[in-house]
Structure formats: C-alpha cells, structure tokens
Amino acid sequence: ICLERDAGADASSIPAQLSLADWFEREHRLDDAWASVESCVARYPQNPEVLCVKALLLHRQGRNTEAETLLRDLIKTGLRDLNVAYAVRHQLAVVLDALGQYPEAMQQFTRVLADPQYGSRPKTLLAQGLCQIRAGQPAEAERSLMQSYEMEAGNPVTGYNLSLLLFQRGDLQHAQFYIRRLNNSDLANAETLW
C-alpha cells in the first residue's frame, strides 16, 4: 500500500492502523473497522489513503452520499500519489454505482482504466461489469467481466457473474465453461450449480 505521509507522521503506524481496519472490515466487524479508521483520521486528518478507507467504510455502512462527498473533496485536493488517486476514483465509481448514478460511475471507471500503468485492472473491470449489469447494459458488462476474467481467472465473483450473463443470453456452453472453475471449488453452492 502506497501512502502519502504527513510531515512528522510515524511511517509505520498508518499502515498498521489501516491493516487493522481492513482486517475488521473483511471479518464483517464494521464497528471495529470504523473505530480503527476514526482513530487514524484523528491522527492523520489530511492523509488521502486514510480518508479513502473512511469513504469505503461509509459506503459499506450505506452512507453513500457522505462517501461521495468525501471522495469528491479528496479529488479536489489534487492527489499526488497515483495509486491513491486510482483507489479514490475506483471507490467513487463504486459509490456512484450504489447511488444509481451509472453514467458518472462509468466515467470514473473509464478514467481509472485508461492508464495502462494501473495495476488493479481486474478489480476495477469487475466493479465496472457489475455496475453495467445494474445499469441494464449486459453486452458491455459481458465485455468488462471477460476482460477481468482474462486477467484473473480465479476470481469467483467474476466467473459467476460472467457465467450468469452468458446463461441469460442463452450461451449455455460458454456459461458452463466459466462456472466450472467455481463449481470445482469449495465455493460451489446451490446457486452456482444451476
């Protein structure tokens, strides 16, 4: 994780606190994640990565309007670290998707994906594909999910959603191909075994 450091900040404490917040979030302990991030915000109120993680947690709590405002304010600051700028724009696109603002979400996804140096392409293509599904754009979603799958074939969310789109348009042979990896894993369930 690349961080912009506040002058005089303890370089090891920000990643540790954010890692703790991330772990709590993955364990679905949002109250603990929130407390960890708020502690970090209190110490480093101008740190863009800390604020991006706060926006992620606001989104997870369903507080999307607050997350959108925070992310837009971050973008206005002129983020110097490209990794943080990508993370902020990706997260803004996800929040806009949650708010049903699909065209603007697509603009943010496109902006992030336009840079060939961007390193988290599969994740952003997956999020874009899911947004396109919700926006009623199955052909575009299929393209995004296919690109994500080509880069990260082991992602079960990508494989499932790509397979579901193919199934819905009647391409059963290809749908079966993409769902097979998921069904041959511990993640198989009644929904994936259709």
N, C-alpha and C. Protein backbone atom coordinates (compact mmCIF):
# COMPACT_ATOMS: atom_id res chain seq x y z
N ILE A 1 0.86 -1.18 0.00
CA ILE A 1 0.00 0.00 0.00
C ILE A 1 0.90 1.23 0.00
N CYS A 2 0.62 2.11 -0.92
CA CYS A 2 1.41 3.33 -1.03
C CYS A 2 0.68 4.45 -0.29
N LEU A 3 1.37 5.10 0.60
CA LEU A 3 0.76 6.16 1.40
C LEU A 3 1.48 7.46 1.19
N GLU A 4 0.73 8.54 1.17
CA GLU A 4 1.33 9.86 1.26
C GLU A 4 1.45 10.15 2.75
N ARG A 5 2.64 10.45 3.21
CA ARG A 5 2.86 10.65 4.64
C ARG A 5 2.73 12.12 5.02
N ASP A 6 2.05 12.35 6.13
CA ASP A 6 2.05 13.70 6.69
C ASP A 6 3.45 13.95 7.26
N ALA A 7 3.90 15.18 7.19
CA ALA A 7 5.21 15.52 7.76
C ALA A 7 5.19 15.18 9.24
N GLY A 8 6.19 14.45 9.66
CA GLY A 8 6.30 14.10 11.07
C GLY A 8 5.47 12.90 11.48
N ALA A 9 4.75 12.27 10.55
CA ALA A 9 3.93 11.12 10.90
C ALA A 9 4.80 9.91 11.12
N ASP A 10 4.41 9.07 12.05
CA ASP A 10 5.10 7.80 12.27
C ASP A 10 4.76 6.91 11.09
N ALA A 11 5.78 6.62 10.25
CA ALA A 11 5.57 5.91 9.00
C ALA A 11 4.97 4.53 9.19
N SER A 12 5.23 3.88 10.30
CA SER A 12 4.72 2.52 10.47
C SER A 12 3.30 2.47 11.03
N SER A 13 2.82 3.55 11.63
CA SER A 13 1.52 3.49 12.31
C SER A 13 0.34 3.55 11.35
N ILE A 14 0.45 4.31 10.26
CA ILE A 14 -0.67 4.41 9.33
C ILE A 14 -0.97 3.06 8.70
N PRO A 15 0.01 2.37 8.11
CA PRO A 15 -0.30 1.07 7.53
C PRO A 15 -0.84 0.07 8.55
N ALA A 16 -0.31 0.11 9.77
CA ALA A 16 -0.77 -0.82 10.80
C ALA A 16 -2.24 -0.56 11.13
N GLN A 17 -2.60 0.70 11.32
CA GLN A 17 -3.99 1.02 11.65
C GLN A 17 -4.92 0.70 10.48
N LEU A 18 -4.48 0.99 9.25
CA LEU A 18 -5.32 0.68 8.08
C LEU A 18 -5.43 -0.82 7.87
N SER A 19 -4.35 -1.55 8.14
CA SER A 19 -4.41 -3.00 8.02
C SER A 19 -5.38 -3.58 9.03
N LEU A 20 -5.38 -3.03 10.23
CA LEU A 20 -6.32 -3.48 11.26
C LEU A 20 -7.75 -3.18 10.82
N ALA A 21 -7.98 -1.99 10.30
CA ALA A 21 -9.32 -1.63 9.82
C ALA A 21 -9.74 -2.56 8.69
N ASP A 22 -8.81 -2.86 7.78
CA ASP A 22 -9.10 -3.75 6.67
C ASP A 22 -9.47 -5.14 7.18
N TRP A 23 -8.71 -5.63 8.16
CA TRP A 23 -9.00 -6.95 8.71
C TRP A 23 -10.38 -6.97 9.36
N PHE A 24 -10.70 -5.96 10.16
CA PHE A 24 -12.02 -5.88 10.78
C PHE A 24 -13.12 -5.86 9.71
N GLU A 25 -12.89 -5.10 8.63
CA GLU A 25 -13.90 -5.00 7.57
C GLU A 25 -14.11 -6.35 6.91
N ARG A 26 -13.01 -7.06 6.61
CA ARG A 26 -13.13 -8.39 5.98
C ARG A 26 -13.81 -9.40 6.91
N GLU A 27 -13.69 -9.20 8.20
CA GLU A 27 -14.34 -10.07 9.19
C GLU A 27 -15.77 -9.60 9.50
N HIS A 28 -16.24 -8.61 8.77
CA HIS A 28 -17.59 -8.05 8.94
C HIS A 28 -17.79 -7.44 10.32
N ARG A 29 -16.73 -6.90 10.86
CA ARG A 29 -16.78 -6.20 12.15
C ARG A 29 -16.67 -4.71 11.85
N LEU A 30 -17.74 -4.17 11.25
CA LEU A 30 -17.70 -2.79 10.77
C LEU A 30 -17.55 -1.78 11.89
N ASP A 31 -18.11 -2.06 13.06
CA ASP A 31 -17.95 -1.11 14.17
C ASP A 31 -16.48 -1.00 14.58
N ASP A 32 -15.79 -2.13 14.64
CA ASP A 32 -14.37 -2.12 14.98
C ASP A 32 -13.55 -1.47 13.87
N ALA A 33 -13.89 -1.77 12.62
CA ALA A 33 -13.19 -1.15 11.49
C ALA A 33 -13.37 0.35 11.54
N TRP A 34 -14.59 0.79 11.82
CA TRP A 34 -14.88 2.22 11.88
C TRP A 34 -14.07 2.88 13.00
N ALA A 35 -14.02 2.24 14.16
CA ALA A 35 -13.25 2.80 15.28
C ALA A 35 -11.77 2.92 14.92
N SER A 36 -11.24 1.93 14.24
CA SER A 36 -9.83 1.96 13.85
C SER A 36 -9.57 3.08 12.85
N VAL A 37 -10.46 3.25 11.88
CA VAL A 37 -10.29 4.30 10.88
C VAL A 37 -10.47 5.68 11.51
N GLU A 38 -11.44 5.82 12.38
CA GLU A 38 -11.65 7.11 13.04
C GLU A 38 -10.43 7.50 13.88
N SER A 39 -9.80 6.52 14.53
CA SER A 39 -8.58 6.79 15.28
C SER A 39 -7.48 7.28 14.34
N CYS A 40 -7.40 6.64 13.19
CA CYS A 40 -6.40 7.03 12.19
C CYS A 40 -6.70 8.43 11.63
N VAL A 41 -7.96 8.72 11.37
CA VAL A 41 -8.35 10.04 10.87
C VAL A 41 -8.03 11.11 11.90
N ALA A 42 -8.23 10.80 13.18
CA ALA A 42 -7.92 11.78 14.24
C ALA A 42 -6.43 12.13 14.24
N ARG A 43 -5.59 11.13 13.97
CA ARG A 43 -4.14 11.38 13.97
C ARG A 43 -3.65 11.97 12.66
N TYR A 44 -4.26 11.57 11.55
CA TYR A 44 -3.80 11.98 10.22
C TYR A 44 -4.99 12.48 9.39
N PRO A 45 -5.58 13.61 9.76
CA PRO A 45 -6.82 14.06 9.13
C PRO A 45 -6.70 14.45 7.65
N GLN A 46 -5.49 14.65 7.16
CA GLN A 46 -5.30 15.06 5.77
C GLN A 46 -4.75 13.93 4.90
N ASN A 47 -4.54 12.75 5.45
CA ASN A 47 -3.95 11.65 4.69
C ASN A 47 -4.99 11.08 3.72
N PRO A 48 -4.72 11.15 2.42
CA PRO A 48 -5.70 10.71 1.43
C PRO A 48 -6.06 9.22 1.52
N GLU A 49 -5.09 8.37 1.82
CA GLU A 49 -5.43 6.94 1.89
C GLU A 49 -6.32 6.65 3.09
N VAL A 50 -6.03 7.29 4.19
CA VAL A 50 -6.87 7.13 5.38
C VAL A 50 -8.30 7.57 5.06
N LEU A 51 -8.43 8.71 4.39
CA LEU A 51 -9.76 9.22 4.05
C LEU A 51 -10.45 8.34 3.02
N CYS A 52 -9.69 7.73 2.12
CA CYS A 52 -10.28 6.80 1.14
C CYS A 52 -10.84 5.57 1.85
N VAL A 53 -10.11 5.06 2.84
CA VAL A 53 -10.60 3.92 3.61
C VAL A 53 -11.84 4.32 4.40
N LYS A 54 -11.85 5.53 4.92
CA LYS A 54 -13.05 6.02 5.63
C LYS A 54 -14.23 6.04 4.66
N ALA A 55 -14.01 6.50 3.43
CA ALA A 55 -15.10 6.52 2.44
C ALA A 55 -15.58 5.11 2.12
N LEU A 56 -14.65 4.16 2.04
CA LEU A 56 -15.04 2.76 1.81
C LEU A 56 -15.95 2.27 2.91
N LEU A 57 -15.60 2.57 4.16
CA LEU A 57 -16.43 2.14 5.28
C LEU A 57 -17.77 2.86 5.31
N LEU A 58 -17.78 4.14 4.94
CA LEU A 58 -19.06 4.84 4.83
C LEU A 58 -19.95 4.14 3.81
N HIS A 59 -19.36 3.75 2.69
CA HIS A 59 -20.10 3.01 1.65
C HIS A 59 -20.63 1.70 2.21
N ARG A 60 -19.79 0.95 2.92
CA ARG A 60 -20.21 -0.34 3.47
C ARG A 60 -21.36 -0.17 4.48
N GLN A 61 -21.40 1.01 5.12
CA GLN A 61 -22.47 1.30 6.08
C GLN A 61 -23.72 1.84 5.39
N GLY A 62 -23.67 1.98 4.07
CA GLY A 62 -24.81 2.52 3.33
C GLY A 62 -24.89 4.04 3.36
N ARG A 63 -23.82 4.67 3.78
CA ARG A 63 -23.78 6.14 3.87
C ARG A 63 -23.09 6.69 2.61
N ASN A 64 -23.70 6.38 1.47
CA ASN A 64 -23.07 6.65 0.18
C ASN A 64 -22.96 8.13 -0.15
N THR A 65 -23.91 8.93 0.27
CA THR A 65 -23.82 10.37 -0.01
C THR A 65 -22.63 10.98 0.72
N GLU A 66 -22.42 10.56 1.97
CA GLU A 66 -21.26 11.04 2.72
C GLU A 66 -19.96 10.56 2.08
N ALA A 67 -19.95 9.31 1.63
CA ALA A 67 -18.76 8.76 0.98
C ALA A 67 -18.47 9.52 -0.31
N GLU A 68 -19.51 9.80 -1.08
CA GLU A 68 -19.32 10.55 -2.32
C GLU A 68 -18.72 11.93 -2.05
N THR A 69 -19.24 12.63 -1.07
CA THR A 69 -18.73 13.96 -0.74
C THR A 69 -17.26 13.89 -0.34
N LEU A 70 -16.92 12.94 0.51
CA LEU A 70 -15.54 12.79 0.96
C LEU A 70 -14.61 12.50 -0.22
N LEU A 71 -15.02 11.59 -1.10
CA LEU A 71 -14.18 11.23 -2.24
C LEU A 71 -14.02 12.38 -3.22
N ARG A 72 -15.10 13.12 -3.47
CA ARG A 72 -15.00 14.28 -4.36
C ARG A 72 -14.08 15.36 -3.77
N ASP A 73 -14.18 15.55 -2.46
CA ASP A 73 -13.28 16.50 -1.81
C ASP A 73 -11.83 16.06 -1.93
N LEU A 74 -11.58 14.76 -1.81
CA LEU A 74 -10.23 14.24 -1.97
C LEU A 74 -9.70 14.50 -3.38
N ILE A 75 -10.53 14.29 -4.38
CA ILE A 75 -10.10 14.51 -5.77
C ILE A 75 -9.74 15.97 -5.98
N LYS A 76 -10.48 16.87 -5.36
CA LYS A 76 -10.21 18.31 -5.49
C LYS A 76 -8.84 18.71 -4.92
N THR A 77 -8.31 17.89 -4.03
CA THR A 77 -7.01 18.23 -3.42
C THR A 77 -5.84 18.00 -4.37
N GLY A 78 -6.09 17.35 -5.50
CA GLY A 78 -5.01 17.08 -6.45
C GLY A 78 -4.07 16.01 -5.93
N LEU A 79 -4.56 14.82 -5.81
CA LEU A 79 -3.80 13.70 -5.25
C LEU A 79 -2.48 13.49 -6.00
N ARG A 80 -1.39 13.49 -5.25
CA ARG A 80 -0.06 13.35 -5.86
C ARG A 80 0.32 11.91 -6.12
N ASP A 81 -0.10 11.01 -5.28
CA ASP A 81 0.26 9.60 -5.41
C ASP A 81 -0.75 8.93 -6.35
N LEU A 82 -0.24 8.41 -7.48
CA LEU A 82 -1.14 7.82 -8.47
C LEU A 82 -1.92 6.63 -7.92
N ASN A 83 -1.30 5.80 -7.08
CA ASN A 83 -2.01 4.66 -6.52
C ASN A 83 -3.19 5.10 -5.67
N VAL A 84 -3.00 6.13 -4.90
CA VAL A 84 -4.08 6.65 -4.08
C VAL A 84 -5.14 7.29 -4.97
N ALA A 85 -4.72 8.02 -5.99
CA ALA A 85 -5.68 8.64 -6.92
C ALA A 85 -6.54 7.58 -7.59
N TYR A 86 -5.92 6.48 -8.02
CA TYR A 86 -6.68 5.38 -8.63
C TYR A 86 -7.68 4.81 -7.64
N ALA A 87 -7.22 4.57 -6.41
CA ALA A 87 -8.10 4.00 -5.39
C ALA A 87 -9.29 4.91 -5.11
N VAL A 88 -9.04 6.21 -5.04
CA VAL A 88 -10.11 7.17 -4.77
C VAL A 88 -11.13 7.18 -5.92
N ARG A 89 -10.64 7.22 -7.15
CA ARG A 89 -11.57 7.24 -8.30
C ARG A 89 -12.33 5.92 -8.43
N HIS A 90 -11.66 4.80 -8.19
CA HIS A 90 -12.34 3.50 -8.21
C HIS A 90 -13.46 3.49 -7.17
N GLN A 91 -13.12 3.93 -5.96
CA GLN A 91 -14.11 3.93 -4.88
C GLN A 91 -15.25 4.89 -5.19
N LEU A 92 -14.94 6.05 -5.78
CA LEU A 92 -16.00 6.98 -6.17
C LEU A 92 -16.93 6.33 -7.18
N ALA A 93 -16.38 5.60 -8.14
CA ALA A 93 -17.22 4.92 -9.13
C ALA A 93 -18.14 3.90 -8.47
N VAL A 94 -17.61 3.16 -7.50
CA VAL A 94 -18.42 2.16 -6.78
C VAL A 94 -19.55 2.85 -6.01
N VAL A 95 -19.24 3.97 -5.38
CA VAL A 95 -20.26 4.72 -4.63
C VAL A 95 -21.31 5.28 -5.57
N LEU A 96 -20.88 5.83 -6.69
CA LEU A 96 -21.85 6.36 -7.67
C LEU A 96 -22.74 5.25 -8.20
N ASP A 97 -22.18 4.08 -8.40
CA ASP A 97 -22.98 2.91 -8.82
C ASP A 97 -24.03 2.62 -7.76
N ALA A 98 -23.63 2.60 -6.49
CA ALA A 98 -24.58 2.33 -5.40
C ALA A 98 -25.69 3.37 -5.35
N LEU A 99 -25.37 4.60 -5.76
CA LEU A 99 -26.37 5.68 -5.77
C LEU A 99 -27.21 5.67 -7.05
N GLY A 100 -26.92 4.73 -7.96
CA GLY A 100 -27.66 4.66 -9.22
C GLY A 100 -27.25 5.69 -10.24
N GLN A 101 -26.11 6.32 -10.04
CA GLN A 101 -25.60 7.33 -10.98
C GLN A 101 -24.66 6.64 -11.97
N TYR A 102 -25.25 5.77 -12.80
CA TYR A 102 -24.46 4.89 -13.65
C TYR A 102 -23.59 5.60 -14.68
N PRO A 103 -24.09 6.61 -15.40
CA PRO A 103 -23.20 7.26 -16.39
C PRO A 103 -21.95 7.87 -15.76
N GLU A 104 -22.12 8.52 -14.63
CA GLU A 104 -20.96 9.13 -13.98
C GLU A 104 -20.03 8.06 -13.40
N ALA A 105 -20.61 6.97 -12.90
CA ALA A 105 -19.78 5.87 -12.41
C ALA A 105 -18.94 5.32 -13.56
N MET A 106 -19.55 5.16 -14.73
CA MET A 106 -18.81 4.66 -15.90
C MET A 106 -17.67 5.60 -16.27
N GLN A 107 -17.91 6.91 -16.16
CA GLN A 107 -16.84 7.87 -16.47
C GLN A 107 -15.65 7.67 -15.53
N GLN A 108 -15.94 7.45 -14.25
CA GLN A 108 -14.85 7.26 -13.28
C GLN A 108 -14.11 5.94 -13.54
N PHE A 109 -14.85 4.86 -13.81
CA PHE A 109 -14.20 3.59 -14.14
C PHE A 109 -13.32 3.75 -15.37
N THR A 110 -13.85 4.40 -16.40
CA THR A 110 -13.10 4.59 -17.65
C THR A 110 -11.84 5.40 -17.41
N ARG A 111 -11.95 6.41 -16.58
CA ARG A 111 -10.78 7.25 -16.29
C ARG A 111 -9.67 6.45 -15.62
N VAL A 112 -10.04 5.60 -14.68
CA VAL A 112 -9.04 4.78 -13.99
C VAL A 112 -8.43 3.77 -14.97
N LEU A 113 -9.27 3.13 -15.76
CA LEU A 113 -8.80 2.08 -16.67
C LEU A 113 -8.02 2.62 -17.86
N ALA A 114 -8.12 3.91 -18.12
CA ALA A 114 -7.43 4.50 -19.27
C ALA A 114 -5.91 4.49 -19.13
N ASP A 115 -5.42 4.41 -17.92
CA ASP A 115 -3.98 4.43 -17.71
C ASP A 115 -3.43 3.01 -17.77
N PRO A 116 -2.58 2.71 -18.75
CA PRO A 116 -2.05 1.34 -18.87
C PRO A 116 -1.17 0.93 -17.69
N GLN A 117 -0.73 1.89 -16.88
CA GLN A 117 0.10 1.58 -15.71
C GLN A 117 -0.73 1.15 -14.50
N TYR A 118 -2.04 1.32 -14.58
CA TYR A 118 -2.92 1.00 -13.45
C TYR A 118 -2.81 -0.49 -13.15
N GLY A 119 -2.54 -0.83 -11.90
CA GLY A 119 -2.25 -2.21 -11.54
C GLY A 119 -3.41 -3.06 -11.05
N SER A 120 -4.55 -2.47 -10.75
CA SER A 120 -5.68 -3.24 -10.22
C SER A 120 -6.80 -3.35 -11.25
N ARG A 121 -6.44 -3.54 -12.48
CA ARG A 121 -7.41 -3.60 -13.58
C ARG A 121 -8.49 -4.66 -13.37
N PRO A 122 -8.14 -5.90 -12.97
CA PRO A 122 -9.20 -6.91 -12.83
C PRO A 122 -10.28 -6.50 -11.85
N LYS A 123 -9.87 -5.89 -10.73
CA LYS A 123 -10.83 -5.46 -9.71
C LYS A 123 -11.74 -4.36 -10.25
N THR A 124 -11.18 -3.41 -10.97
CA THR A 124 -11.97 -2.30 -11.49
C THR A 124 -12.86 -2.78 -12.64
N LEU A 125 -12.36 -3.66 -13.48
CA LEU A 125 -13.20 -4.21 -14.55
C LEU A 125 -14.36 -5.01 -13.98
N LEU A 126 -14.12 -5.75 -12.90
CA LEU A 126 -15.21 -6.48 -12.23
C LEU A 126 -16.26 -5.50 -11.71
N ALA A 127 -15.81 -4.47 -11.00
CA ALA A 127 -16.75 -3.48 -10.45
C ALA A 127 -17.51 -2.78 -11.58
N GLN A 128 -16.82 -2.47 -12.66
CA GLN A 128 -17.47 -1.83 -13.81
C GLN A 128 -18.51 -2.77 -14.40
N GLY A 129 -18.16 -4.04 -14.55
CA GLY A 129 -19.10 -5.01 -15.10
C GLY A 129 -20.35 -5.15 -14.23
N LEU A 130 -20.18 -5.19 -12.93
CA LEU A 130 -21.34 -5.28 -12.04
C LEU A 130 -22.20 -4.03 -12.13
N CYS A 131 -21.57 -2.88 -12.27
CA CYS A 131 -22.30 -1.63 -12.45
C CYS A 131 -23.08 -1.67 -13.77
N GLN A 132 -22.45 -2.17 -14.81
CA GLN A 132 -23.12 -2.25 -16.11
C GLN A 132 -24.32 -3.20 -16.06
N ILE A 133 -24.21 -4.26 -15.28
CA ILE A 133 -25.36 -5.16 -15.10
C ILE A 133 -26.51 -4.38 -14.48
N ARG A 134 -26.23 -3.65 -13.40
CA ARG A 134 -27.29 -2.89 -12.72
C ARG A 134 -27.85 -1.78 -13.62
N ALA A 135 -27.00 -1.27 -14.52
CA ALA A 135 -27.43 -0.20 -15.43
C ALA A 135 -28.20 -0.76 -16.64
N GLY A 136 -28.36 -2.07 -16.70
CA GLY A 136 -29.09 -2.67 -17.82
C GLY A 136 -28.28 -2.73 -19.10
N GLN A 137 -26.98 -2.90 -18.99
CA GLN A 137 -26.09 -2.97 -20.14
C GLN A 137 -25.38 -4.33 -20.16
N PRO A 138 -26.10 -5.41 -20.46
CA PRO A 138 -25.49 -6.74 -20.37
C PRO A 138 -24.34 -6.98 -21.34
N ALA A 139 -24.42 -6.45 -22.56
CA ALA A 139 -23.33 -6.67 -23.53
C ALA A 139 -22.04 -6.00 -23.05
N GLU A 140 -22.16 -4.78 -22.55
CA GLU A 140 -20.99 -4.07 -22.03
C GLU A 140 -20.45 -4.77 -20.79
N ALA A 141 -21.37 -5.24 -19.94
CA ALA A 141 -20.97 -5.95 -18.73
C ALA A 141 -20.21 -7.23 -19.08
N GLU A 142 -20.69 -7.93 -20.09
CA GLU A 142 -20.01 -9.15 -20.51
C GLU A 142 -18.57 -8.85 -20.96
N ARG A 143 -18.40 -7.77 -21.71
CA ARG A 143 -17.05 -7.40 -22.16
C ARG A 143 -16.14 -7.07 -20.97
N SER A 144 -16.66 -6.28 -20.03
CA SER A 144 -15.86 -5.92 -18.86
C SER A 144 -15.50 -7.14 -18.03
N LEU A 145 -16.48 -8.00 -17.80
CA LEU A 145 -16.22 -9.20 -17.00
C LEU A 145 -15.28 -10.16 -17.71
N MET A 146 -15.39 -10.25 -19.03
CA MET A 146 -14.49 -11.11 -19.79
C MET A 146 -13.05 -10.62 -19.66
N GLN A 147 -12.87 -9.30 -19.77
CA GLN A 147 -11.51 -8.75 -19.61
C GLN A 147 -10.98 -9.01 -18.20
N SER A 148 -11.83 -8.86 -17.20
CA SER A 148 -11.42 -9.14 -15.83
C SER A 148 -11.05 -10.60 -15.67
N TYR A 149 -11.86 -11.47 -16.23
CA TYR A 149 -11.62 -12.91 -16.14
C TYR A 149 -10.30 -13.29 -16.81
N GLU A 150 -10.01 -12.67 -17.95
CA GLU A 150 -8.76 -12.97 -18.67
C GLU A 150 -7.54 -12.60 -17.83
N MET A 151 -7.68 -11.60 -16.97
CA MET A 151 -6.57 -11.17 -16.12
C MET A 151 -6.51 -11.92 -14.79
N GLU A 152 -7.67 -12.37 -14.33
CA GLU A 152 -7.75 -13.01 -13.01
C GLU A 152 -8.84 -14.09 -13.05
N ALA A 153 -8.49 -15.21 -13.69
CA ALA A 153 -9.47 -16.28 -13.91
C ALA A 153 -9.95 -16.92 -12.61
N GLY A 154 -9.20 -16.79 -11.56
CA GLY A 154 -9.58 -17.42 -10.30
C GLY A 154 -10.56 -16.64 -9.45
N ASN A 155 -10.98 -15.47 -9.90
CA ASN A 155 -11.90 -14.66 -9.08
C ASN A 155 -13.31 -15.25 -9.20
N PRO A 156 -13.86 -15.79 -8.11
CA PRO A 156 -15.17 -16.44 -8.19
C PRO A 156 -16.32 -15.49 -8.51
N VAL A 157 -16.22 -14.24 -8.08
CA VAL A 157 -17.29 -13.27 -8.36
C VAL A 157 -17.33 -12.97 -9.85
N THR A 158 -16.16 -12.81 -10.46
CA THR A 158 -16.10 -12.57 -11.89
C THR A 158 -16.64 -13.77 -12.65
N GLY A 159 -16.15 -14.96 -12.31
CA GLY A 159 -16.60 -16.17 -13.01
C GLY A 159 -18.09 -16.39 -12.90
N TYR A 160 -18.64 -16.18 -11.70
CA TYR A 160 -20.07 -16.38 -11.51
C TYR A 160 -20.89 -15.39 -12.35
N ASN A 161 -20.55 -14.11 -12.27
CA ASN A 161 -21.34 -13.11 -12.97
C ASN A 161 -21.19 -13.21 -14.49
N LEU A 162 -20.01 -13.54 -14.97
CA LEU A 162 -19.82 -13.75 -16.40
C LEU A 162 -20.65 -14.95 -16.86
N SER A 163 -20.59 -16.03 -16.11
CA SER A 163 -21.37 -17.22 -16.44
C SER A 163 -22.87 -16.93 -16.43
N LEU A 164 -23.32 -16.17 -15.45
CA LEU A 164 -24.74 -15.84 -15.35
C LEU A 164 -25.20 -15.01 -16.56
N LEU A 165 -24.39 -14.05 -16.98
CA LEU A 165 -24.74 -13.26 -18.16
C LEU A 165 -24.83 -14.14 -19.41
N LEU A 166 -23.86 -15.03 -19.57
CA LEU A 166 -23.87 -15.93 -20.72
C LEU A 166 -25.09 -16.85 -20.68
N PHE A 167 -25.42 -17.34 -19.50
CA PHE A 167 -26.60 -18.19 -19.32
C PHE A 167 -27.87 -17.42 -19.69
N GLN A 168 -27.97 -16.18 -19.24
CA GLN A 168 -29.16 -15.38 -19.50
C GLN A 168 -29.35 -15.08 -20.98
N ARG A 169 -28.27 -15.01 -21.74
CA ARG A 169 -28.44 -14.77 -23.16
C ARG A 169 -28.47 -16.06 -23.97
N GLY A 170 -28.49 -17.21 -23.27
CA GLY A 170 -28.68 -18.49 -23.93
C GLY A 170 -27.42 -19.19 -24.40
N ASP A 171 -26.25 -18.69 -24.04
CA ASP A 171 -24.99 -19.32 -24.43
C ASP A 171 -24.59 -20.30 -23.33
N LEU A 172 -25.28 -21.44 -23.31
CA LEU A 172 -25.12 -22.40 -22.21
C LEU A 172 -23.74 -23.06 -22.20
N GLN A 173 -23.18 -23.31 -23.38
CA GLN A 173 -21.87 -23.96 -23.44
C GLN A 173 -20.79 -23.10 -22.79
N HIS A 174 -20.75 -21.81 -23.14
CA HIS A 174 -19.76 -20.92 -22.54
C HIS A 174 -20.07 -20.65 -21.07
N ALA A 175 -21.35 -20.54 -20.73
CA ALA A 175 -21.73 -20.32 -19.33
C ALA A 175 -21.21 -21.47 -18.47
N GLN A 176 -21.37 -22.68 -18.96
CA GLN A 176 -20.90 -23.86 -18.23
C GLN A 176 -19.38 -23.84 -18.08
N PHE A 177 -18.68 -23.43 -19.14
CA PHE A 177 -17.23 -23.35 -19.08
C PHE A 177 -16.77 -22.44 -17.95
N TYR A 178 -17.37 -21.25 -17.83
CA TYR A 178 -16.92 -20.28 -16.85
C TYR A 178 -17.35 -20.62 -15.43
N ILE A 179 -18.47 -21.31 -15.28
CA ILE A 179 -18.93 -21.66 -13.93
C ILE A 179 -18.22 -22.91 -13.41
N ARG A 180 -17.63 -23.68 -14.30
CA ARG A 180 -16.99 -24.95 -13.91
C ARG A 180 -15.91 -24.74 -12.84
N ARG A 181 -15.06 -23.74 -13.03
CA ARG A 181 -13.98 -23.49 -12.05
C ARG A 181 -14.57 -23.25 -10.66
N LEU A 182 -15.64 -22.48 -10.60
CA LEU A 182 -16.28 -22.19 -9.32
C LEU A 182 -16.90 -23.46 -8.74
N ASN A 183 -17.56 -24.23 -9.59
CA ASN A 183 -18.23 -25.45 -9.10
C ASN A 183 -17.25 -26.55 -8.71
N ASN A 184 -16.01 -26.45 -9.16
CA ASN A 184 -14.98 -27.42 -8.76
C ASN A 184 -14.19 -26.93 -7.56
N SER A 185 -14.71 -25.95 -6.86
CA SER A 185 -14.03 -25.41 -5.68
C SER A 185 -14.92 -25.54 -4.45
N ASP A 186 -14.39 -25.12 -3.33
CA ASP A 186 -15.16 -25.13 -2.08
C ASP A 186 -16.27 -24.07 -2.08
N LEU A 187 -16.28 -23.20 -3.08
CA LEU A 187 -17.26 -22.11 -3.13
C LEU A 187 -18.56 -22.52 -3.84
N ALA A 188 -18.60 -23.72 -4.39
CA ALA A 188 -19.81 -24.19 -5.08
C ALA A 188 -20.99 -24.22 -4.10
N ASN A 189 -22.16 -23.83 -4.59
CA ASN A 189 -23.36 -23.89 -3.77
C ASN A 189 -24.56 -24.10 -4.70
N ALA A 190 -25.74 -24.16 -4.13
CA ALA A 190 -26.93 -24.43 -4.94
C ALA A 190 -27.12 -23.39 -6.05
N GLU A 191 -26.77 -22.15 -5.78
CA GLU A 191 -26.93 -21.09 -6.78
C GLU A 191 -25.98 -21.27 -7.96
N THR A 192 -24.77 -21.75 -7.72
CA THR A 192 -23.80 -21.91 -8.81
C THR A 192 -23.99 -23.21 -9.57
N LEU A 193 -24.72 -24.14 -9.01
CA LEU A 193 -24.89 -25.46 -9.64
C LEU A 193 -26.10 -25.54 -10.57
N TRP A 194 -26.67 -24.41 -10.94
CA TRP A 194 -27.84 -24.43 -11.81
C TRP A 194 -27.52 -25.19 -13.06
